[in-house]
Protein backbone atom coordinates (compact mmCIF):
# COMPACT_ATOMS: atom_id res chain seq x y z
CA UNK A 1 -20.22 -0.87 -10.97
CA UNK A 2 -19.72 -3.25 -8.31
CA UNK A 3 -16.69 -1.87 -5.88
CA UNK A 4 -13.40 -3.61 -6.54
CA UNK A 5 -10.00 -4.26 -5.51
CA UNK A 6 -8.32 -2.76 -8.77
CA UNK A 7 -4.31 -3.37 -9.27
CA UNK A 8 -2.28 -1.28 -12.39
CA UNK A 9 -0.62 -3.91 -14.61
CA UNK A 10 2.13 -3.22 -16.75
CA UNK A 11 3.95 -6.25 -16.90
CA UNK A 12 6.64 -6.40 -14.80
CA UNK A 13 7.70 -8.54 -12.33
CA UNK A 14 6.44 -5.74 -9.36
CA UNK A 15 3.03 -5.54 -11.04
CA UNK A 16 2.21 -9.31 -10.87
CA UNK A 17 3.59 -8.97 -7.66
CA UNK A 18 0.98 -6.16 -6.95
CA UNK A 19 -2.27 -8.51 -8.77
CA UNK A 20 -1.39 -11.31 -6.60
CA UNK A 21 -1.63 -8.41 -2.99
CA UNK A 22 -4.88 -7.61 -4.45
CA UNK A 23 -6.15 -11.02 -5.09
CA UNK A 24 -5.64 -11.81 -1.56
CA UNK A 25 -7.15 -8.83 -0.25
CA UNK A 26 -10.44 -9.06 -2.76
CA UNK A 27 -10.78 -12.29 -1.23
CA UNK A 28 -11.10 -10.82 2.37
CA UNK A 29 -12.99 -8.11 0.86
CA UNK A 30 -15.13 -10.36 -0.93
CA UNK A 31 -15.18 -8.06 -4.32
CA UNK A 32 -13.96 -9.09 -7.75
CA UNK A 33 -10.63 -7.41 -8.39
CA UNK A 34 -10.21 -5.13 -11.48
CA UNK A 35 -6.89 -5.37 -13.62
CA UNK A 36 -6.04 -1.83 -15.48
CA UNK A 37 -3.64 -1.51 -17.91
CA UNK A 38 -3.16 2.40 -19.19
CA UNK A 39 -2.50 3.66 -21.94
CA UNK A 40 0.81 4.77 -23.25
CA UNK A 41 2.92 1.69 -20.63
CA UNK A 42 5.22 0.10 -22.63
CA UNK A 43 5.94 -3.77 -22.86
CA UNK A 44 8.32 -4.31 -19.56
CA UNK A 45 11.38 -6.18 -21.62
CA UNK A 46 11.05 -3.70 -24.32
CA UNK A 47 11.15 -0.12 -22.05
CA UNK A 48 13.91 1.53 -24.44
CA UNK A 49 12.21 1.35 -27.33
CA UNK A 50 9.91 3.87 -27.65
CA UNK A 51 8.30 4.35 -31.03
CA UNK A 52 5.40 5.69 -30.23
CA UNK A 53 3.16 7.10 -33.11
CA UNK A 54 3.89 3.53 -35.45
CA UNK A 55 0.55 2.32 -36.44
CA UNK A 56 1.78 -1.09 -36.13
CA UNK A 57 3.78 -0.67 -33.28
CA UNK A 58 0.90 0.54 -31.37
CA UNK A 59 -1.38 -2.50 -32.47
CA UNK A 60 1.55 -5.01 -31.52
CA UNK A 61 1.37 -2.78 -28.16
CA UNK A 62 -2.13 -3.70 -27.48
CA UNK A 63 -1.91 -7.09 -28.00
CA UNK A 64 0.92 -7.67 -25.88
CA UNK A 65 -1.67 -5.64 -23.01
CA UNK A 66 -4.11 -7.68 -23.94
CA UNK A 67 -1.99 -10.81 -23.40
CA UNK A 68 -0.36 -9.51 -20.41
CA UNK A 69 -3.85 -8.75 -18.46
CA UNK A 70 -5.83 -12.33 -19.82
CA UNK A 71 -2.43 -14.10 -18.68
CA UNK A 72 -2.75 -12.36 -15.63
CA UNK A 73 -6.38 -12.95 -14.86
CA UNK A 74 -5.58 -16.75 -15.17
CA UNK A 75 -2.88 -16.45 -12.58
CA UNK A 76 -5.17 -15.21 -10.23
CA UNK A 77 -7.94 -17.40 -10.86
CA UNK A 78 -5.76 -20.67 -10.76
CA UNK A 79 -6.40 -21.91 -7.18
CA UNK A 80 -9.57 -19.30 -6.92
CA UNK A 81 -12.43 -20.36 -8.49
CA UNK A 82 -14.51 -18.06 -6.07
CA UNK A 83 -12.47 -14.91 -7.39
CA UNK A 84 -14.23 -12.96 -9.88
CA UNK A 85 -11.61 -10.59 -12.01
CA UNK A 86 -11.78 -8.03 -15.36
CA UNK A 87 -9.74 -6.49 -16.82
CA UNK A 88 -9.27 -3.60 -19.66
CA UNK A 89 -7.01 -1.81 -21.05
CA UNK A 90 -7.22 2.56 -20.88
CA UNK A 91 -5.98 4.59 -23.15
CA UNK A 92 -5.41 7.42 -20.73
CA UNK A 93 -2.09 8.58 -19.54
CA UNK A 94 -1.55 5.64 -16.93
CA UNK A 95 -1.49 8.79 -13.49
CA UNK A 96 -4.61 9.51 -14.82
CA UNK A 97 -6.65 6.58 -15.51
CA UNK A 98 -4.79 5.00 -12.74
CA UNK A 99 -6.68 7.43 -10.51
CA UNK A 100 -9.78 7.47 -11.97
CA UNK A 101 -10.00 3.36 -10.65
CA UNK A 102 -8.73 4.61 -7.24
CA UNK A 103 -12.12 6.47 -7.67
CA UNK A 104 -14.83 4.25 -6.10
CA UNK A 105 -13.53 3.54 -2.65
CA UNK A 106 -11.66 0.34 -2.19
CA UNK A 107 -8.02 -0.06 -2.88
CA UNK A 108 -5.62 0.89 -5.25
CA UNK A 109 -2.48 -1.77 -5.41
CA UNK A 110 0.33 -0.88 -7.19
CA UNK A 111 4.10 -3.05 -7.40
CA UNK A 112 7.03 -1.12 -6.34
CA UNK A 113 10.93 -1.45 -7.64
CA UNK A 114 13.53 -1.98 -4.87
CA UNK A 115 17.15 -0.45 -5.75
CA UNK A 116 19.96 -1.51 -3.88
CA UNK A 117 21.54 1.13 -1.30
CA UNK A 118 24.04 2.42 -2.67
CA UNK A 119 26.36 1.76 0.99
CA UNK A 120 25.23 -2.00 0.48
CA UNK A 121 22.58 -1.44 3.44
CA UNK A 122 18.76 -1.58 2.94
CA UNK A 123 17.42 -1.40 -0.40
CA UNK A 124 15.44 1.98 -0.99
CA UNK A 125 12.25 1.75 -3.10
CA UNK A 126 12.02 3.46 -6.22
CA UNK A 127 8.77 5.88 -6.82
CA UNK A 128 8.25 6.97 -9.91
CA UNK A 129 6.24 9.60 -10.87
CA UNK A 130 3.13 7.87 -12.26
CA UNK A 131 3.49 6.24 -8.38
CA UNK A 132 3.83 9.66 -7.04
CA UNK A 133 0.86 10.63 -8.58
CA UNK A 134 -1.81 8.80 -7.91
CA UNK A 135 -0.58 8.64 -3.85
CA UNK A 136 -1.10 12.13 -4.01
CA UNK A 137 -4.09 12.45 -5.94
CA UNK A 138 -6.45 9.62 -4.83
CA UNK A 139 -9.35 9.61 -3.08
CA UNK A 140 -8.82 6.31 -1.72
CA UNK A 141 -6.24 4.36 -0.48
CA UNK A 142 -3.24 3.33 -2.65
CA UNK A 143 -1.16 0.12 -1.75
CA UNK A 144 2.27 -0.26 -2.41
CA UNK A 145 2.70 -4.09 -2.90
CA UNK A 146 6.10 -5.35 -1.83
CA UNK A 147 7.86 -8.48 -1.58
CA UNK A 148 10.81 -10.93 0.79
CA UNK A 149 13.66 -9.90 -1.17
CA UNK A 150 12.62 -7.33 -4.02
CA UNK A 151 10.58 -8.34 -7.13
CA UNK A 152 12.02 -10.60 -7.86
CA UNK A 153 10.85 -12.72 -5.10
CA UNK A 154 7.37 -12.06 -6.39
CA UNK A 155 4.72 -14.65 -6.64
CA UNK A 156 1.74 -16.23 -5.01
CA UNK A 157 3.69 -17.90 -2.16
CA UNK A 158 5.82 -14.97 -1.45
CA UNK A 159 3.73 -11.79 -1.21
CA UNK A 160 3.34 -10.39 2.61
CA UNK A 161 -0.87 -10.13 2.78
CA UNK A 162 -3.84 -10.90 3.51
CA UNK A 163 -4.52 -14.42 5.26
CA UNK A 164 -6.92 -16.14 3.14
CA UNK A 165 -6.85 -19.28 4.59
CA UNK A 166 -8.38 -18.40 7.73
CA UNK A 167 -5.25 -18.08 10.21
CA UNK A 168 -4.44 -15.05 11.24
CA UNK A 169 -2.26 -13.52 9.73
CA UNK A 170 1.68 -11.27 11.17
CA UNK A 171 0.08 -7.32 12.37
CA UNK A 172 -0.77 -4.31 10.86
CA UNK A 173 0.54 -1.62 11.85
CA UNK A 174 -0.91 2.35 11.95
CA UNK A 175 1.06 4.93 12.25
CA UNK A 176 -0.82 8.11 14.12
CA UNK A 177 -0.06 11.51 15.91
CA UNK A 178 -2.56 12.14 17.71
CA UNK A 179 -2.36 15.78 17.66
CA UNK A 180 -3.69 15.54 13.48
CA UNK A 181 -5.12 11.83 13.45
CA UNK A 182 -5.86 10.65 10.18
CA UNK A 183 -9.47 9.19 10.49
CA UNK A 184 -9.02 7.24 6.90
CA UNK A 185 -6.63 5.71 7.71
CA UNK A 186 -7.81 4.66 11.44
CA UNK A 187 -10.87 3.32 9.79
CA UNK A 188 -8.92 1.52 7.27
CA UNK A 189 -6.13 0.09 9.53
CA UNK A 190 -9.31 -1.20 12.24
CA UNK A 191 -10.95 -2.98 9.03
CA UNK A 192 -7.90 -4.62 7.95
CA UNK A 193 -6.72 -5.86 10.91
CA UNK A 194 -10.71 -7.45 11.74
CA UNK A 195 -10.48 -8.76 8.08
CA UNK A 196 -7.21 -10.76 9.08
CA UNK A 197 -7.78 -11.73 12.02
CA UNK A 198 -4.74 -9.85 13.14
CA UNK A 199 -3.46 -7.95 15.54
CA UNK A 200 -3.30 -3.90 15.51
CA UNK A 201 0.03 -1.99 16.66
CA UNK A 202 -0.80 2.12 16.96
CA UNK A 203 2.84 3.30 16.94
CA UNK A 204 4.11 7.06 17.28
CA UNK A 205 7.31 9.10 17.53
CA UNK A 206 7.14 11.53 20.07
CA UNK A 207 9.82 15.05 19.61
CA UNK A 208 11.14 16.44 22.67
CA UNK A 209 9.68 20.19 22.30
CA UNK A 210 12.16 22.53 21.89
CA UNK A 211 13.93 23.64 25.72
CA UNK A 212 12.95 20.75 27.37
CA UNK A 213 14.28 18.50 30.35
CA UNK A 214 15.24 15.59 29.19
CA UNK A 215 14.31 14.92 32.65
CA UNK A 216 11.05 14.98 31.56
CA UNK A 217 10.60 12.04 29.39
CA UNK A 218 9.17 9.91 31.14
CA UNK A 219 6.33 12.18 31.46
CA UNK A 220 6.27 13.18 28.11
CA UNK A 221 6.35 9.50 27.26
CA UNK A 222 3.04 8.70 29.48
CA UNK A 223 1.17 11.84 27.86
CA UNK A 224 1.72 10.58 24.85
CA UNK A 225 0.14 7.52 25.25
CA UNK A 226 -2.81 9.23 26.91
CA UNK A 227 -3.27 10.96 24.27
CA UNK A 228 -2.63 7.75 21.64
CA UNK A 229 -5.46 5.71 23.66
CA UNK A 230 -7.97 8.94 23.92
CA UNK A 231 -8.06 8.58 20.15
CA UNK A 232 -8.22 5.55 19.43
CA UNK A 233 -11.22 4.62 22.33
CA UNK A 234 -13.80 5.17 20.11
CA UNK A 235 -12.66 2.73 17.07
CA UNK A 236 -12.07 0.35 19.79
CA UNK A 237 -15.35 0.23 20.63
CA UNK A 238 -16.59 -0.09 16.98
CA UNK A 239 -14.01 -2.95 16.85
CA UNK A 240 -13.98 -5.33 19.93
CA UNK A 241 -13.16 -8.14 18.16
CA UNK A 242 -9.52 -6.00 16.98
CA UNK A 243 -6.22 -6.54 19.57
CA UNK A 244 -5.22 -3.37 19.81
CA UNK A 245 -1.07 -2.70 20.69
CA UNK A 246 -0.09 0.80 21.29
CA UNK A 247 3.47 1.60 20.91
CA UNK A 248 4.74 5.40 21.78
CA UNK A 249 8.81 6.44 21.46
CA UNK A 250 11.07 9.72 21.57
CA UNK A 251 12.35 9.71 17.71
CA UNK A 252 11.93 10.44 13.88
CA UNK A 253 8.80 9.29 13.00
CA UNK A 254 9.93 6.87 9.64
CA UNK A 255 12.46 5.69 11.41
CA UNK A 256 10.00 4.07 13.85
CA UNK A 257 7.91 3.37 11.66
CA UNK A 258 9.74 1.27 9.25
CA UNK A 259 10.93 -0.58 12.00
CA UNK A 260 7.58 -1.28 14.08
CA UNK A 261 5.97 -2.64 10.80
CA UNK A 262 8.87 -5.26 9.66
CA UNK A 263 7.45 -8.57 10.46
CA UNK A 264 3.90 -6.62 10.37
CA UNK A 265 1.91 -7.84 6.96
CA UNK A 266 0.87 -3.89 6.52
CA UNK A 267 1.77 -0.60 7.19
CA UNK A 268 -0.91 2.12 7.69
CA UNK A 269 -0.33 5.79 7.15
CA UNK A 270 -1.78 8.24 5.93
CA UNK A 271 -1.20 10.73 3.38
CA UNK A 272 -0.05 13.63 5.65
CA UNK A 273 -0.83 16.21 3.03
CA UNK A 274 -3.65 18.00 1.48
CA UNK A 275 -4.73 16.09 -2.06
CA UNK A 276 -2.31 16.74 -4.38
CA UNK A 277 0.72 16.46 -2.14
CA UNK A 278 2.44 13.46 0.18
CA UNK A 279 3.82 14.84 3.70
CA UNK A 280 7.40 14.11 4.48
CA UNK A 281 7.05 11.38 7.14
CA UNK A 282 4.78 9.28 4.72
CA UNK A 283 7.31 9.92 1.27
CA UNK A 284 10.31 8.63 4.13
CA UNK A 285 8.21 5.09 4.81
CA UNK A 286 7.20 4.90 1.33
CA UNK A 287 11.34 4.70 0.52
CA UNK A 288 12.47 2.89 2.91
CA UNK A 289 10.03 0.26 4.48
CA UNK A 290 9.72 -3.13 2.77
CA UNK A 291 6.81 -4.21 3.90
CA UNK A 292 3.75 -3.34 2.33
CA UNK A 293 1.66 0.28 2.43
CA UNK A 294 -1.04 1.21 2.42
CA UNK A 295 -1.30 5.39 2.16
CA UNK A 296 -5.04 6.83 3.14
CA UNK A 297 -6.35 10.42 2.54
CA UNK A 298 -8.57 11.84 5.21
């Protein structure tokens, strides 16, 4: 099976945002897009009408899913004559089907939905059980695609993603702890920056050790930057064309990463936990970052 960029499609506006993002990514990777609709996912417009087990309803759902997949494929290939798109409907439960689809090493792209903040502040991005299970269990990168202004702004002209017209795209941001570097995330971030002709900004947030004198903060900052540059040195040698900047600072890692990624095209983070688990920093970033986020295991 050819290596593909796979996207989960369920008929929602968020999944169209994910499909558009995946199409641009596939052009950079020079690989096909694979659209997957899994099992009992219901038609988006009829999500509250569950009549599972009725043969007529099941047949209608299958026809609806085929139509959504076909129309999404047509949307992606319009204006992209060189893009190959395949699609399939899978009867497995969504999480297991998408985990299988994500096992081939290339990115799996999922949509994500924003819910307004109760206090009127920034949106919080919802993490449903399928998304959490896939991010926690995937053996390859999982990208949660976002669009400016929330899901209603989705579309090929509004999706923050790869530059596919040869022009440099906004920065790629990598969250990295030099004492526990996630090699998979580092490799993915450098590859994405190289393909996009983008700058890679590497961000590390550090905490003051218990009992440390605040007067030593400047020295702690210097050491943090030194450790980060040492970890990055071999990767910079492998990717000499990638412009790298390093940003370290005192504070909480999630807020530092969300702020750094505000104007970026992609934020890359490690999963932060063993397979089956998502680390606290990554989980918080997924809920609060409005930029598309790639979560990479290992």
